[in-house]
């Protein structure tokens, strides 16, 4: 059985058709909502469903470790970090490449996205145990 167009072309046509006939023109994604001012962000997010155990969920924290000798300075980890934890440093490694540096370690949520993007496997993150304050 042969079709007149490939499945990719059919998918694109269906997507365009949905976008044309979809009644809401000003939809934004969750990624775009984080860049909005807080008043607008809360107004747009008030109808989003929240998990029932939201109070019990703890956000994990991580620590980014960079293996400087492996890094080739591509910048993928810096560009695509969802929390902007990394930035390009002025330091060179042994190969002569600029390496990334951790700018704000407190923002890291241990998502491992930098690990997945690094073509040289020069970066990874480890989970940091929460420190509890002890009263003396």
C-alpha atoms as a PDB file:
ATOM      1  CA  UNK A   1       0.000   0.000   0.000  1.00  0.00           C
ATOM      2  CA  UNK A   2       1.490   3.316  -1.056  1.00  0.00           C
ATOM      3  CA  UNK A   3       0.602   6.733   0.207  1.00  0.00           C
ATOM      4  CA  UNK A   4       0.889   9.949  -1.728  1.00  0.00           C
ATOM      5  CA  UNK A   5       3.108  11.588   0.892  1.00  0.00           C
ATOM      6  CA  UNK A   6       5.477  10.447   3.590  1.00  0.00           C
ATOM      7  CA  UNK A   7       4.385  10.175   7.206  1.00  0.00           C
ATOM      8  CA  UNK A   8       6.594  13.127   8.134  1.00  0.00           C
ATOM      9  CA  UNK A   9       4.880  15.305   5.549  1.00  0.00           C
ATOM     10  CA  UNK A  10       1.480  14.132   6.759  1.00  0.00           C
ATOM     11  CA  UNK A  11       2.425  14.948  10.346  1.00  0.00           C
ATOM     12  CA  UNK A  12       3.517  18.450   9.339  1.00  0.00           C
ATOM     13  CA  UNK A  13       0.284  19.051   7.429  1.00  0.00           C
ATOM     14  CA  UNK A  14      -1.779  17.861  10.411  1.00  0.00           C
ATOM     15  CA  UNK A  15       0.207  20.068  12.791  1.00  0.00           C
ATOM     16  CA  UNK A  16      -0.289  23.112  10.583  1.00  0.00           C
ATOM     17  CA  UNK A  17      -3.983  22.309  10.268  1.00  0.00           C
ATOM     18  CA  UNK A  18      -4.334  22.117  14.065  1.00  0.00           C
ATOM     19  CA  UNK A  19      -2.456  25.386  14.552  1.00  0.00           C
ATOM     20  CA  UNK A  20      -4.620  27.190  12.000  1.00  0.00           C
ATOM     21  CA  UNK A  21      -7.906  25.989  13.474  1.00  0.00           C
ATOM     22  CA  UNK A  22      -6.929  26.190  17.145  1.00  0.00           C
ATOM     23  CA  UNK A  23      -8.910  29.053  18.727  1.00  0.00           C
ATOM     24  CA  UNK A  24      -6.283  30.292  21.216  1.00  0.00           C
ATOM     25  CA  UNK A  25      -3.621  32.449  19.613  1.00  0.00           C
ATOM     26  CA  UNK A  26      -1.635  33.523  22.682  1.00  0.00           C
ATOM     27  CA  UNK A  27      -0.712  30.219  24.305  1.00  0.00           C
ATOM     28  CA  UNK A  28       2.672  30.000  26.004  1.00  0.00           C
ATOM     29  CA  UNK A  29       4.629  27.019  27.281  1.00  0.00           C
ATOM     30  CA  UNK A  30       5.870  26.311  30.794  1.00  0.00           C
ATOM     31  CA  UNK A  31       9.409  27.207  29.722  1.00  0.00           C
ATOM     32  CA  UNK A  32       8.292  30.637  28.552  1.00  0.00           C
ATOM     33  CA  UNK A  33       6.292  31.295  31.727  1.00  0.00           C
ATOM     34  CA  UNK A  34       9.426  31.451  33.905  1.00  0.00           C
ATOM     35  CA  UNK A  35      10.572  34.595  32.053  1.00  0.00           C
ATOM     36  CA  UNK A  36       7.373  36.515  32.801  1.00  0.00           C
ATOM     37  CA  UNK A  37       6.955  38.952  35.711  1.00  0.00           C
ATOM     38  CA  UNK A  38       5.552  37.295  38.844  1.00  0.00           C
ATOM     39  CA  UNK A  39       2.118  38.996  38.649  1.00  0.00           C
ATOM     40  CA  UNK A  40       1.507  37.743  35.120  1.00  0.00           C
ATOM     41  CA  UNK A  41       3.042  34.338  35.886  1.00  0.00           C
ATOM     42  CA  UNK A  42       0.655  33.689  38.800  1.00  0.00           C
ATOM     43  CA  UNK A  43      -2.329  34.860  36.751  1.00  0.00           C
ATOM     44  CA  UNK A  44      -1.476  32.496  33.880  1.00  0.00           C
ATOM     45  CA  UNK A  45      -0.677  29.526  36.131  1.00  0.00           C
ATOM     46  CA  UNK A  46      -3.662  29.626  38.494  1.00  0.00           C
ATOM     47  CA  UNK A  47      -5.628  27.001  36.550  1.00  0.00           C
ATOM     48  CA  UNK A  48      -2.774  24.550  36.012  1.00  0.00           C
ATOM     49  CA  UNK A  49      -3.176  21.260  37.803  1.00  0.00           C
ATOM     50  CA  UNK A  50      -0.890  20.709  40.779  1.00  0.00           C
ATOM     51  CA  UNK A  51       0.051  17.314  42.256  1.00  0.00           C
ATOM     52  CA  UNK A  52      -1.918  16.277  45.338  1.00  0.00           C
ATOM     53  CA  UNK A  53       1.290  15.617  47.274  1.00  0.00           C
ATOM     54  CA  UNK A  54       2.924  18.923  46.319  1.00  0.00           C
ATOM     55  CA  UNK A  55       3.732  19.750  49.955  1.00  0.00           C
ATOM     56  CA  UNK A  56       5.670  16.476  50.323  1.00  0.00           C
ATOM     57  CA  UNK A  57       7.789  16.904  47.187  1.00  0.00           C
ATOM     58  CA  UNK A  58      11.276  18.195  47.868  1.00  0.00           C
ATOM     59  CA  UNK A  59      13.314  19.724  45.090  1.00  0.00           C
ATOM     60  CA  UNK A  60      16.627  17.915  44.796  1.00  0.00           C
ATOM     61  CA  UNK A  61      19.847  19.885  44.777  1.00  0.00           C
ATOM     62  CA  UNK A  62      22.960  19.036  42.847  1.00  0.00           C
ATOM     63  CA  UNK A  63      26.591  19.914  42.454  1.00  0.00           C
ATOM     64  CA  UNK A  64      28.088  20.218  38.981  1.00  0.00           C
ATOM     65  CA  UNK A  65      31.521  18.697  38.436  1.00  0.00           C
ATOM     66  CA  UNK A  66      33.533  19.589  35.332  1.00  0.00           C
ATOM     67  CA  UNK A  67      36.432  17.435  34.142  1.00  0.00           C
ATOM     68  CA  UNK A  68      38.586  20.235  32.759  1.00  0.00           C
ATOM     69  CA  UNK A  69      40.974  18.089  30.694  1.00  0.00           C
ATOM     70  CA  UNK A  70      38.119  16.540  28.676  1.00  0.00           C
ATOM     71  CA  UNK A  71      36.239  19.775  27.911  1.00  0.00           C
ATOM     72  CA  UNK A  72      36.485  21.261  24.413  1.00  0.00           C
ATOM     73  CA  UNK A  73      34.546  24.427  25.207  1.00  0.00           C
ATOM     74  CA  UNK A  74      31.540  23.795  22.960  1.00  0.00           C
ATOM     75  CA  UNK A  75      29.223  25.633  25.351  1.00  0.00           C
ATOM     76  CA  UNK A  76      26.241  23.277  25.023  1.00  0.00           C
ATOM     77  CA  UNK A  77      26.032  22.874  28.801  1.00  0.00           C
ATOM     78  CA  UNK A  78      26.011  26.646  29.290  1.00  0.00           C
ATOM     79  CA  UNK A  79      23.507  27.398  26.564  1.00  0.00           C
ATOM     80  CA  UNK A  80      20.935  24.752  27.479  1.00  0.00           C
ATOM     81  CA  UNK A  81      21.126  24.683  31.291  1.00  0.00           C
ATOM     82  CA  UNK A  82      17.515  25.258  32.384  1.00  0.00           C
ATOM     83  CA  UNK A  83      18.578  27.085  35.563  1.00  0.00           C
ATOM     84  CA  UNK A  84      21.576  29.077  34.208  1.00  0.00           C
ATOM     85  CA  UNK A  85      23.989  27.456  36.646  1.00  0.00           C
ATOM     86  CA  UNK A  86      26.970  27.549  34.276  1.00  0.00           C
ATOM     87  CA  UNK A  87      28.852  30.275  32.467  1.00  0.00           C
ATOM     88  CA  UNK A  88      31.975  30.482  30.315  1.00  0.00           C
ATOM     89  CA  UNK A  89      35.107  31.215  32.304  1.00  0.00           C
ATOM     90  CA  UNK A  90      38.238  33.004  31.140  1.00  0.00           C
ATOM     91  CA  UNK A  91      40.425  30.078  32.227  1.00  0.00           C
ATOM     92  CA  UNK A  92      41.982  27.759  29.622  1.00  0.00           C
ATOM     93  CA  UNK A  93      42.421  24.017  30.083  1.00  0.00           C
ATOM     94  CA  UNK A  94      45.474  21.977  28.989  1.00  0.00           C
ATOM     95  CA  UNK A  95      44.115  21.717  25.411  1.00  0.00           C
ATOM     96  CA  UNK A  96      43.685  25.489  25.133  1.00  0.00           C
ATOM     97  CA  UNK A  97      39.879  25.647  25.322  1.00  0.00           C
ATOM     98  CA  UNK A  98      37.807  27.931  27.521  1.00  0.00           C
ATOM     99  CA  UNK A  99      36.014  25.787  30.066  1.00  0.00           C
ATOM    100  CA  UNK A 100      32.640  26.352  31.726  1.00  0.00           C
ATOM    101  CA  UNK A 101      32.470  27.459  35.329  1.00  0.00           C
ATOM    102  CA  UNK A 102      29.761  27.129  37.932  1.00  0.00           C
ATOM    103  CA  UNK A 103      28.276  30.593  38.436  1.00  0.00           C
ATOM    104  CA  UNK A 104      25.484  29.872  40.923  1.00  0.00           C
ATOM    105  CA  UNK A 105      25.656  26.403  42.467  1.00  0.00           C
ATOM    106  CA  UNK A 106      22.529  26.980  44.571  1.00  0.00           C
ATOM    107  CA  UNK A 107      20.325  26.935  41.445  1.00  0.00           C
ATOM    108  CA  UNK A 108      21.323  23.400  40.371  1.00  0.00           C
ATOM    109  CA  UNK A 109      18.436  20.911  40.671  1.00  0.00           C
ATOM    110  CA  UNK A 110      20.469  17.863  39.561  1.00  0.00           C
ATOM    111  CA  UNK A 111      18.564  17.396  36.302  1.00  0.00           C
ATOM    112  CA  UNK A 112      21.590  15.812  34.546  1.00  0.00           C
ATOM    113  CA  UNK A 113      20.786  17.720  31.361  1.00  0.00           C
ATOM    114  CA  UNK A 114      24.366  18.977  31.084  1.00  0.00           C
ATOM    115  CA  UNK A 115      25.549  15.352  31.165  1.00  0.00           C
ATOM    116  CA  UNK A 116      23.224  14.370  28.354  1.00  0.00           C
ATOM    117  CA  UNK A 117      24.356  17.241  26.121  1.00  0.00           C
ATOM    118  CA  UNK A 118      28.120  17.067  26.598  1.00  0.00           C
ATOM    119  CA  UNK A 119      29.716  15.349  23.575  1.00  0.00           C
ATOM    120  CA  UNK A 120      32.972  14.762  25.481  1.00  0.00           C
ATOM    121  CA  UNK A 121      31.414  13.492  28.765  1.00  0.00           C
ATOM    122  CA  UNK A 122      33.296  16.237  30.566  1.00  0.00           C
ATOM    123  CA  UNK A 123      30.547  17.286  32.964  1.00  0.00           C
ATOM    124  CA  UNK A 124      28.294  15.558  35.435  1.00  0.00           C
ATOM    125  CA  UNK A 125      26.226  16.379  38.490  1.00  0.00           C
ATOM    126  CA  UNK A 126      25.829  14.621  41.798  1.00  0.00           C
ATOM    127  CA  UNK A 127      23.030  14.961  44.304  1.00  0.00           C
ATOM    128  CA  UNK A 128      23.810  16.984  47.383  1.00  0.00           C
ATOM    129  CA  UNK A 129      22.272  15.831  50.629  1.00  0.00           C
ATOM    130  CA  UNK A 130      20.229  18.482  52.378  1.00  0.00           C
ATOM    131  CA  UNK A 131      21.882  19.922  55.432  1.00  0.00           C
ATOM    132  CA  UNK A 132      19.686  20.298  58.460  1.00  0.00           C
ATOM    133  CA  UNK A 133      20.280  23.048  60.933  1.00  0.00           C
ATOM    134  CA  UNK A 134      21.051  21.782  64.408  1.00  0.00           C
ATOM    135  CA  UNK A 135      20.145  23.861  67.410  1.00  0.00           C
ATOM    136  CA  UNK A 136      22.751  23.945  70.138  1.00  0.00           C
END
